[in-house]
Amino acid sequence: MTGRRIARLAESVLMKSHRPERVANVIRAVVSDAIVNKLNDPRIAPLSSVTRVEVSGDLEYAKVWVSVMGEEAARRLTIAGLRSAAGLVQRLLGRRLPIRHCPRLSFHLDESIKKGAETIRLIDETMSQAGKGPGASAEQGREGQVGLSCGDDA
């Protein structure tokens, strides 16, 4: 291979590696807009948001991760509503994506926000049981300090 051909091949490989990411960004925007403005399914909770999109390297498939605020039943209903509306969402996506074949969408419930909130709750609970609430640690730190200051106003 010539040097020019190798450079062209390397450039095309680099361009392809960013393409799934760019397609994922478009999918995220289209699905978010569809949830807010286009889908009238009563099963879809109003406090639903697309947290991430994973697109396969060949752009055939896309996993859409959705976070739903509310009870477990509302989460399951929202995912069921989105799965039933996948055809409509794919049609909207096909109008926005300048590629030959639109990725097949699959919707999944994202539990990461729920798990994060639970972790924070457990940390706060543990800190309060140990007698070191969020405000107590700052006050205790001030009591043990010697009068140090920055600047001339001391």
N, C-alpha and C. Protein backbone atom coordinates (compact mmCIF):
# COMPACT_ATOMS: atom_id res chain seq x y z
N MET A 1 0.84 -1.19 0.00
CA MET A 1 0.00 0.00 0.00
C MET A 1 0.88 1.24 0.00
N THR A 2 0.38 2.25 -0.66
CA THR A 2 1.12 3.51 -0.68
C THR A 2 0.81 4.31 0.58
N GLY A 3 1.63 5.28 0.86
CA GLY A 3 1.44 6.12 2.04
C GLY A 3 0.12 6.86 2.01
N ARG A 4 -0.26 7.33 0.84
CA ARG A 4 -1.52 8.07 0.70
C ARG A 4 -2.72 7.17 0.97
N ARG A 5 -2.64 5.93 0.50
CA ARG A 5 -3.74 4.99 0.70
C ARG A 5 -3.88 4.62 2.18
N ILE A 6 -2.74 4.44 2.87
CA ILE A 6 -2.77 4.14 4.29
C ILE A 6 -3.37 5.30 5.07
N ALA A 7 -3.00 6.52 4.70
CA ALA A 7 -3.54 7.70 5.38
C ALA A 7 -5.05 7.78 5.19
N ARG A 8 -5.52 7.49 3.97
CA ARG A 8 -6.95 7.53 3.70
C ARG A 8 -7.69 6.45 4.49
N LEU A 9 -7.09 5.26 4.59
CA LEU A 9 -7.69 4.17 5.35
C LEU A 9 -7.76 4.53 6.83
N ALA A 10 -6.69 5.08 7.37
CA ALA A 10 -6.67 5.49 8.78
C ALA A 10 -7.70 6.58 9.04
N GLU A 11 -7.84 7.51 8.12
CA GLU A 11 -8.83 8.59 8.28
C GLU A 11 -10.24 8.02 8.28
N SER A 12 -10.51 7.04 7.41
CA SER A 12 -11.86 6.47 7.36
C SER A 12 -12.16 5.68 8.64
N VAL A 13 -11.15 5.00 9.19
CA VAL A 13 -11.35 4.27 10.44
C VAL A 13 -11.66 5.26 11.57
N LEU A 14 -10.94 6.37 11.63
CA LEU A 14 -11.20 7.37 12.66
C LEU A 14 -12.57 7.99 12.50
N MET A 15 -12.98 8.24 11.28
CA MET A 15 -14.29 8.83 11.05
C MET A 15 -15.39 7.88 11.48
N LYS A 16 -15.22 6.58 11.23
CA LYS A 16 -16.24 5.61 11.58
C LYS A 16 -16.36 5.47 13.09
N SER A 17 -15.29 5.64 13.82
CA SER A 17 -15.35 5.46 15.25
C SER A 17 -16.20 6.55 15.93
N HIS A 18 -16.29 7.71 15.32
CA HIS A 18 -17.12 8.78 15.88
C HIS A 18 -18.56 8.71 15.40
N ARG A 19 -18.80 7.99 14.35
CA ARG A 19 -20.13 7.96 13.77
C ARG A 19 -21.19 7.39 14.71
N PRO A 20 -20.96 6.25 15.38
CA PRO A 20 -21.99 5.76 16.32
C PRO A 20 -22.30 6.77 17.42
N GLU A 21 -21.29 7.50 17.86
CA GLU A 21 -21.51 8.51 18.90
C GLU A 21 -22.38 9.64 18.37
N ARG A 22 -22.13 10.07 17.15
CA ARG A 22 -22.95 11.14 16.56
C ARG A 22 -24.38 10.66 16.34
N VAL A 23 -24.54 9.42 15.87
CA VAL A 23 -25.88 8.86 15.67
C VAL A 23 -26.60 8.75 17.01
N ALA A 24 -25.87 8.33 18.06
CA ALA A 24 -26.46 8.22 19.40
C ALA A 24 -26.97 9.57 19.89
N ASN A 25 -26.23 10.64 19.61
CA ASN A 25 -26.68 11.97 20.02
C ASN A 25 -27.97 12.37 19.32
N VAL A 26 -28.08 12.05 18.03
CA VAL A 26 -29.31 12.36 17.29
C VAL A 26 -30.47 11.53 17.83
N ILE A 27 -30.21 10.25 18.09
CA ILE A 27 -31.27 9.38 18.63
C ILE A 27 -31.75 9.92 19.96
N ARG A 28 -30.82 10.31 20.81
CA ARG A 28 -31.20 10.83 22.13
C ARG A 28 -32.09 12.07 21.99
N ALA A 29 -31.72 12.98 21.09
CA ALA A 29 -32.52 14.19 20.90
C ALA A 29 -33.90 13.87 20.35
N VAL A 30 -33.97 12.97 19.37
CA VAL A 30 -35.26 12.64 18.75
C VAL A 30 -36.17 11.92 19.75
N VAL A 31 -35.63 10.96 20.49
CA VAL A 31 -36.46 10.23 21.45
C VAL A 31 -36.92 11.16 22.58
N SER A 32 -36.04 12.02 23.05
CA SER A 32 -36.43 12.98 24.10
C SER A 32 -37.55 13.89 23.61
N ASP A 33 -37.42 14.39 22.41
CA ASP A 33 -38.45 15.25 21.83
C ASP A 33 -39.76 14.48 21.65
N ALA A 34 -39.66 13.24 21.22
CA ALA A 34 -40.86 12.43 21.02
C ALA A 34 -41.59 12.20 22.34
N ILE A 35 -40.84 11.93 23.41
CA ILE A 35 -41.46 11.70 24.73
C ILE A 35 -42.21 12.94 25.18
N VAL A 36 -41.61 14.10 24.98
CA VAL A 36 -42.21 15.35 25.47
C VAL A 36 -43.33 15.84 24.55
N ASN A 37 -43.13 15.78 23.24
CA ASN A 37 -44.05 16.46 22.32
C ASN A 37 -44.90 15.57 21.42
N LYS A 38 -44.44 14.39 21.08
CA LYS A 38 -45.13 13.62 20.04
C LYS A 38 -45.96 12.45 20.55
N LEU A 39 -45.50 11.78 21.59
CA LEU A 39 -46.18 10.57 22.05
C LEU A 39 -47.31 10.92 23.01
N ASN A 40 -48.51 10.44 22.69
CA ASN A 40 -49.68 10.73 23.51
C ASN A 40 -50.14 9.52 24.32
N ASP A 41 -49.27 8.55 24.49
CA ASP A 41 -49.60 7.33 25.22
C ASP A 41 -49.70 7.65 26.72
N PRO A 42 -50.84 7.37 27.35
CA PRO A 42 -50.98 7.68 28.78
C PRO A 42 -50.07 6.82 29.66
N ARG A 43 -49.53 5.73 29.12
CA ARG A 43 -48.63 4.89 29.91
C ARG A 43 -47.27 5.54 30.13
N ILE A 44 -46.88 6.47 29.26
CA ILE A 44 -45.57 7.09 29.35
C ILE A 44 -45.61 8.21 30.37
N ALA A 45 -44.82 8.05 31.43
CA ALA A 45 -44.79 9.03 32.52
C ALA A 45 -44.22 10.36 32.03
N PRO A 46 -44.79 11.49 32.51
CA PRO A 46 -44.29 12.79 32.06
C PRO A 46 -42.87 13.08 32.55
N LEU A 47 -42.43 12.45 33.64
CA LEU A 47 -41.08 12.67 34.16
C LEU A 47 -40.14 11.56 33.69
N SER A 48 -40.10 11.36 32.39
CA SER A 48 -39.21 10.37 31.77
C SER A 48 -38.13 11.12 31.02
N SER A 49 -36.91 10.59 31.09
CA SER A 49 -35.83 11.23 30.34
C SER A 49 -34.87 10.17 29.81
N VAL A 50 -34.31 10.45 28.66
CA VAL A 50 -33.34 9.56 28.04
C VAL A 50 -31.99 9.84 28.69
N THR A 51 -31.42 8.83 29.33
CA THR A 51 -30.15 9.03 30.03
C THR A 51 -28.95 8.70 29.16
N ARG A 52 -29.07 7.68 28.31
CA ARG A 52 -27.97 7.36 27.40
C ARG A 52 -28.48 6.51 26.25
N VAL A 53 -27.69 6.49 25.18
CA VAL A 53 -28.00 5.69 24.00
C VAL A 53 -26.72 4.97 23.59
N GLU A 54 -26.81 3.67 23.38
CA GLU A 54 -25.68 2.89 22.91
C GLU A 54 -26.01 2.38 21.51
N VAL A 55 -25.17 2.73 20.55
CA VAL A 55 -25.38 2.33 19.16
C VAL A 55 -24.32 1.31 18.79
N SER A 56 -24.73 0.24 18.12
CA SER A 56 -23.77 -0.78 17.68
C SER A 56 -22.85 -0.19 16.62
N GLY A 57 -21.69 -0.79 16.45
CA GLY A 57 -20.70 -0.28 15.50
C GLY A 57 -21.19 -0.25 14.07
N ASP A 58 -22.07 -1.18 13.71
CA ASP A 58 -22.60 -1.21 12.34
C ASP A 58 -23.87 -0.38 12.18
N LEU A 59 -24.27 0.33 13.22
CA LEU A 59 -25.44 1.22 13.23
C LEU A 59 -26.76 0.49 13.00
N GLU A 60 -26.78 -0.82 13.24
CA GLU A 60 -28.01 -1.59 13.05
C GLU A 60 -28.95 -1.49 14.25
N TYR A 61 -28.37 -1.43 15.45
CA TYR A 61 -29.16 -1.46 16.67
C TYR A 61 -28.79 -0.31 17.60
N ALA A 62 -29.78 0.13 18.37
CA ALA A 62 -29.54 1.18 19.36
C ALA A 62 -30.33 0.85 20.62
N LYS A 63 -29.62 0.83 21.75
CA LYS A 63 -30.26 0.66 23.04
C LYS A 63 -30.48 2.03 23.64
N VAL A 64 -31.74 2.33 23.96
CA VAL A 64 -32.10 3.62 24.54
C VAL A 64 -32.42 3.39 26.01
N TRP A 65 -31.64 4.02 26.89
CA TRP A 65 -31.82 3.89 28.33
C TRP A 65 -32.63 5.07 28.83
N VAL A 66 -33.75 4.76 29.51
CA VAL A 66 -34.69 5.78 29.96
C VAL A 66 -34.82 5.72 31.48
N SER A 67 -34.76 6.88 32.11
CA SER A 67 -34.97 7.00 33.54
C SER A 67 -36.38 7.55 33.76
N VAL A 68 -37.09 6.92 34.69
CA VAL A 68 -38.47 7.32 34.96
C VAL A 68 -38.60 7.60 36.45
N MET A 69 -39.06 8.80 36.78
CA MET A 69 -39.30 9.14 38.18
C MET A 69 -40.71 8.66 38.54
N GLY A 70 -40.81 7.97 39.66
CA GLY A 70 -42.12 7.48 40.09
C GLY A 70 -42.02 6.07 40.63
N GLU A 71 -43.16 5.47 40.81
CA GLU A 71 -43.25 4.12 41.37
C GLU A 71 -42.83 3.08 40.33
N GLU A 72 -42.62 1.87 40.82
CA GLU A 72 -42.20 0.76 39.95
C GLU A 72 -43.22 0.49 38.85
N ALA A 73 -44.49 0.57 39.18
CA ALA A 73 -45.53 0.33 38.18
C ALA A 73 -45.46 1.37 37.06
N ALA A 74 -45.21 2.62 37.41
CA ALA A 74 -45.09 3.68 36.41
C ALA A 74 -43.88 3.44 35.52
N ARG A 75 -42.80 2.94 36.09
CA ARG A 75 -41.60 2.65 35.30
C ARG A 75 -41.89 1.56 34.27
N ARG A 76 -42.51 0.49 34.73
CA ARG A 76 -42.82 -0.63 33.82
C ARG A 76 -43.79 -0.19 32.73
N LEU A 77 -44.79 0.59 33.09
CA LEU A 77 -45.76 1.07 32.10
C LEU A 77 -45.10 1.98 31.07
N THR A 78 -44.19 2.84 31.53
CA THR A 78 -43.51 3.75 30.61
C THR A 78 -42.68 2.98 29.60
N ILE A 79 -41.93 2.00 30.06
CA ILE A 79 -41.13 1.20 29.13
C ILE A 79 -42.03 0.45 28.16
N ALA A 80 -43.16 -0.09 28.64
CA ALA A 80 -44.10 -0.78 27.76
C ALA A 80 -44.67 0.18 26.71
N GLY A 81 -44.99 1.40 27.14
CA GLY A 81 -45.50 2.40 26.19
C GLY A 81 -44.47 2.79 25.15
N LEU A 82 -43.21 2.95 25.58
CA LEU A 82 -42.15 3.30 24.63
C LEU A 82 -41.89 2.16 23.66
N ARG A 83 -41.94 0.94 24.15
CA ARG A 83 -41.73 -0.21 23.25
C ARG A 83 -42.83 -0.31 22.21
N SER A 84 -44.06 0.01 22.61
CA SER A 84 -45.16 -0.05 21.64
C SER A 84 -45.10 1.11 20.65
N ALA A 85 -44.46 2.20 21.04
CA ALA A 85 -44.34 3.36 20.15
C ALA A 85 -43.01 3.37 19.38
N ALA A 86 -42.26 2.28 19.46
CA ALA A 86 -40.93 2.23 18.82
C ALA A 86 -41.00 2.49 17.32
N GLY A 87 -42.04 1.99 16.66
CA GLY A 87 -42.18 2.21 15.22
C GLY A 87 -42.33 3.68 14.87
N LEU A 88 -43.16 4.39 15.62
CA LEU A 88 -43.34 5.83 15.40
C LEU A 88 -42.04 6.58 15.66
N VAL A 89 -41.36 6.22 16.74
CA VAL A 89 -40.11 6.90 17.07
C VAL A 89 -39.06 6.63 15.99
N GLN A 90 -39.02 5.40 15.46
CA GLN A 90 -38.08 5.08 14.39
C GLN A 90 -38.39 5.87 13.13
N ARG A 91 -39.66 6.06 12.85
CA ARG A 91 -40.03 6.85 11.67
C ARG A 91 -39.58 8.30 11.84
N LEU A 92 -39.79 8.86 13.04
CA LEU A 92 -39.31 10.22 13.31
C LEU A 92 -37.79 10.29 13.20
N LEU A 93 -37.13 9.26 13.68
CA LEU A 93 -35.68 9.19 13.62
C LEU A 93 -35.19 9.09 12.17
N GLY A 94 -35.89 8.32 11.37
CA GLY A 94 -35.52 8.17 9.96
C GLY A 94 -35.55 9.48 9.20
N ARG A 95 -36.42 10.39 9.61
CA ARG A 95 -36.49 11.71 8.96
C ARG A 95 -35.30 12.59 9.34
N ARG A 96 -34.69 12.33 10.50
CA ARG A 96 -33.59 13.18 10.98
C ARG A 96 -32.21 12.62 10.68
N LEU A 97 -32.12 11.30 10.48
CA LEU A 97 -30.81 10.69 10.25
C LEU A 97 -30.52 10.58 8.75
N PRO A 98 -29.39 11.08 8.32
CA PRO A 98 -29.05 11.00 6.89
C PRO A 98 -28.32 9.70 6.55
N ILE A 99 -28.85 8.57 7.00
CA ILE A 99 -28.23 7.29 6.68
C ILE A 99 -29.28 6.39 6.02
N ARG A 100 -28.80 5.35 5.35
CA ARG A 100 -29.69 4.50 4.56
C ARG A 100 -30.67 3.72 5.44
N HIS A 101 -30.16 3.08 6.49
CA HIS A 101 -31.02 2.27 7.36
C HIS A 101 -31.05 2.85 8.77
N CYS A 102 -32.24 3.00 9.28
CA CYS A 102 -32.41 3.54 10.63
C CYS A 102 -32.13 2.42 11.64
N PRO A 103 -31.39 2.71 12.70
CA PRO A 103 -31.12 1.68 13.71
C PRO A 103 -32.41 1.18 14.37
N ARG A 104 -32.45 -0.11 14.68
CA ARG A 104 -33.60 -0.68 15.38
C ARG A 104 -33.47 -0.31 16.86
N LEU A 105 -34.50 0.32 17.40
CA LEU A 105 -34.47 0.82 18.77
C LEU A 105 -34.98 -0.23 19.75
N SER A 106 -34.32 -0.32 20.88
CA SER A 106 -34.84 -1.10 22.00
C SER A 106 -34.74 -0.23 23.25
N PHE A 107 -35.81 -0.23 24.03
CA PHE A 107 -35.89 0.64 25.21
C PHE A 107 -35.63 -0.17 26.47
N HIS A 108 -34.82 0.43 27.36
CA HIS A 108 -34.45 -0.23 28.61
C HIS A 108 -34.58 0.76 29.76
N LEU A 109 -34.96 0.26 30.91
CA LEU A 109 -35.11 1.09 32.10
C LEU A 109 -33.75 1.31 32.73
N ASP A 110 -33.40 2.57 32.97
CA ASP A 110 -32.12 2.92 33.59
C ASP A 110 -32.34 3.11 35.08
N GLU A 111 -31.75 2.25 35.86
CA GLU A 111 -31.90 2.27 37.31
C GLU A 111 -30.77 3.03 38.00
N SER A 112 -29.84 3.61 37.25
CA SER A 112 -28.66 4.22 37.87
C SER A 112 -29.01 5.42 38.75
N ILE A 113 -29.97 6.23 38.37
CA ILE A 113 -30.35 7.39 39.18
C ILE A 113 -31.00 6.92 40.49
N LYS A 114 -31.84 5.90 40.39
CA LYS A 114 -32.48 5.35 41.58
C LYS A 114 -31.43 4.76 42.51
N LYS A 115 -30.46 4.04 41.96
CA LYS A 115 -29.40 3.44 42.78
C LYS A 115 -28.53 4.52 43.41
N GLY A 116 -28.25 5.58 42.68
CA GLY A 116 -27.46 6.69 43.22
C GLY A 116 -28.16 7.38 44.38
N ALA A 117 -29.45 7.61 44.23
CA ALA A 117 -30.23 8.24 45.31
C ALA A 117 -30.27 7.34 46.54
N GLU A 118 -30.40 6.04 46.33
CA GLU A 118 -30.41 5.10 47.44
C GLU A 118 -29.05 5.09 48.15
N THR A 119 -27.97 5.16 47.39
CA THR A 119 -26.62 5.19 47.98
C THR A 119 -26.44 6.43 48.83
N ILE A 120 -26.87 7.58 48.33
CA ILE A 120 -26.76 8.83 49.09
C ILE A 120 -27.59 8.75 50.37
N ARG A 121 -28.78 8.17 50.27
CA ARG A 121 -29.63 8.02 51.45
C ARG A 121 -28.94 7.15 52.50
N LEU A 122 -28.33 6.06 52.05
CA LEU A 122 -27.64 5.17 53.00
C LEU A 122 -26.43 5.85 53.64
N ILE A 123 -25.70 6.63 52.87
CA ILE A 123 -24.56 7.36 53.43
C ILE A 123 -25.03 8.37 54.47
N ASP A 124 -26.08 9.13 54.14
CA ASP A 124 -26.63 10.10 55.10
C ASP A 124 -27.11 9.41 56.37
N GLU A 125 -27.78 8.26 56.21
CA GLU A 125 -28.28 7.52 57.36
C GLU A 125 -27.13 7.03 58.23
N THR A 126 -26.08 6.52 57.62
CA THR A 126 -24.92 6.04 58.36
C THR A 126 -24.22 7.18 59.08
N MET A 127 -24.08 8.31 58.41
CA MET A 127 -23.43 9.48 59.03
C MET A 127 -24.24 9.99 60.22
N SER A 128 -25.57 10.00 60.13
CA SER A 128 -26.38 10.49 61.23
C SER A 128 -26.36 9.51 62.41
N GLN A 129 -26.26 8.22 62.13
CA GLN A 129 -26.16 7.23 63.20
C GLN A 129 -24.83 7.33 63.92
N ALA A 130 -23.79 7.73 63.21
CA ALA A 130 -22.47 7.86 63.82
C ALA A 130 -22.31 9.19 64.54
N GLY A 131 -23.33 10.05 64.49
CA GLY A 131 -23.29 11.34 65.18
C GLY A 131 -22.55 12.40 64.39
N LYS A 132 -22.34 12.14 63.14
CA LYS A 132 -21.63 13.10 62.29
C LYS A 132 -22.52 13.44 61.11
N GLY A 133 -23.52 14.26 61.32
CA GLY A 133 -24.39 14.69 60.24
C GLY A 133 -23.62 15.56 59.27
N PRO A 134 -24.20 15.89 58.13
CA PRO A 134 -23.51 16.70 57.13
C PRO A 134 -23.02 18.03 57.68
N GLY A 135 -23.76 18.67 58.57
CA GLY A 135 -23.34 19.95 59.13
C GLY A 135 -22.40 19.79 60.31
N ALA A 136 -22.47 18.65 61.02
CA ALA A 136 -21.67 18.44 62.22
C ALA A 136 -20.18 18.35 61.90
N SER A 137 -19.83 17.75 60.80
CA SER A 137 -18.41 17.58 60.49
C SER A 137 -17.74 18.93 60.22
N ALA A 138 -18.44 19.88 59.64
CA ALA A 138 -17.86 21.20 59.38
C ALA A 138 -17.67 21.95 60.69
N GLU A 139 -18.65 21.83 61.62
CA GLU A 139 -18.53 22.52 62.90
C GLU A 139 -17.40 21.92 63.74
N GLN A 140 -17.27 20.60 63.74
CA GLN A 140 -16.21 19.97 64.50
C GLN A 140 -14.85 20.36 63.96
N GLY A 141 -14.74 20.51 62.67
CA GLY A 141 -13.48 20.90 62.05
C GLY A 141 -13.08 22.30 62.47
N ARG A 142 -14.06 23.20 62.65
CA ARG A 142 -13.76 24.58 63.03
C ARG A 142 -13.32 24.67 64.49
N GLU A 143 -13.89 23.81 65.37
CA GLU A 143 -13.54 23.86 66.78
C GLU A 143 -12.09 23.51 67.03
N GLY A 144 -11.54 22.58 66.26
CA GLY A 144 -10.17 22.12 66.48
C GLY A 144 -9.12 22.96 65.79
N GLN A 145 -9.52 24.00 65.04
CA GLN A 145 -8.56 24.80 64.30
C GLN A 145 -7.94 25.89 65.17
N VAL A 146 -6.70 26.18 64.86
CA VAL A 146 -6.02 27.32 65.47
C VAL A 146 -6.31 28.50 64.55
N GLY A 147 -6.38 29.72 65.08
CA GLY A 147 -6.74 30.90 64.30
C GLY A 147 -5.81 31.17 63.13
N LEU A 148 -6.02 30.51 62.00
CA LEU A 148 -5.24 30.75 60.79
C LEU A 148 -6.10 31.54 59.82
N SER A 149 -5.53 32.45 59.11
CA SER A 149 -6.29 33.17 58.11
C SER A 149 -5.39 33.51 56.94
N CYS A 150 -6.02 33.82 55.83
CA CYS A 150 -5.30 34.24 54.64
C CYS A 150 -5.45 35.73 54.50
N GLY A 151 -4.39 36.42 54.24
CA GLY A 151 -4.49 37.86 54.01
C GLY A 151 -4.14 38.66 55.26
N ASP A 152 -4.36 40.00 55.17
CA ASP A 152 -3.98 40.92 56.24
C ASP A 152 -5.09 41.24 57.22
N ASP A 153 -6.30 40.72 57.00
CA ASP A 153 -7.44 41.09 57.83
C ASP A 153 -7.53 40.28 59.12
N ALA A 154 -6.50 39.57 59.54
CA ALA A 154 -6.55 38.73 60.74
C ALA A 154 -6.26 39.51 61.98
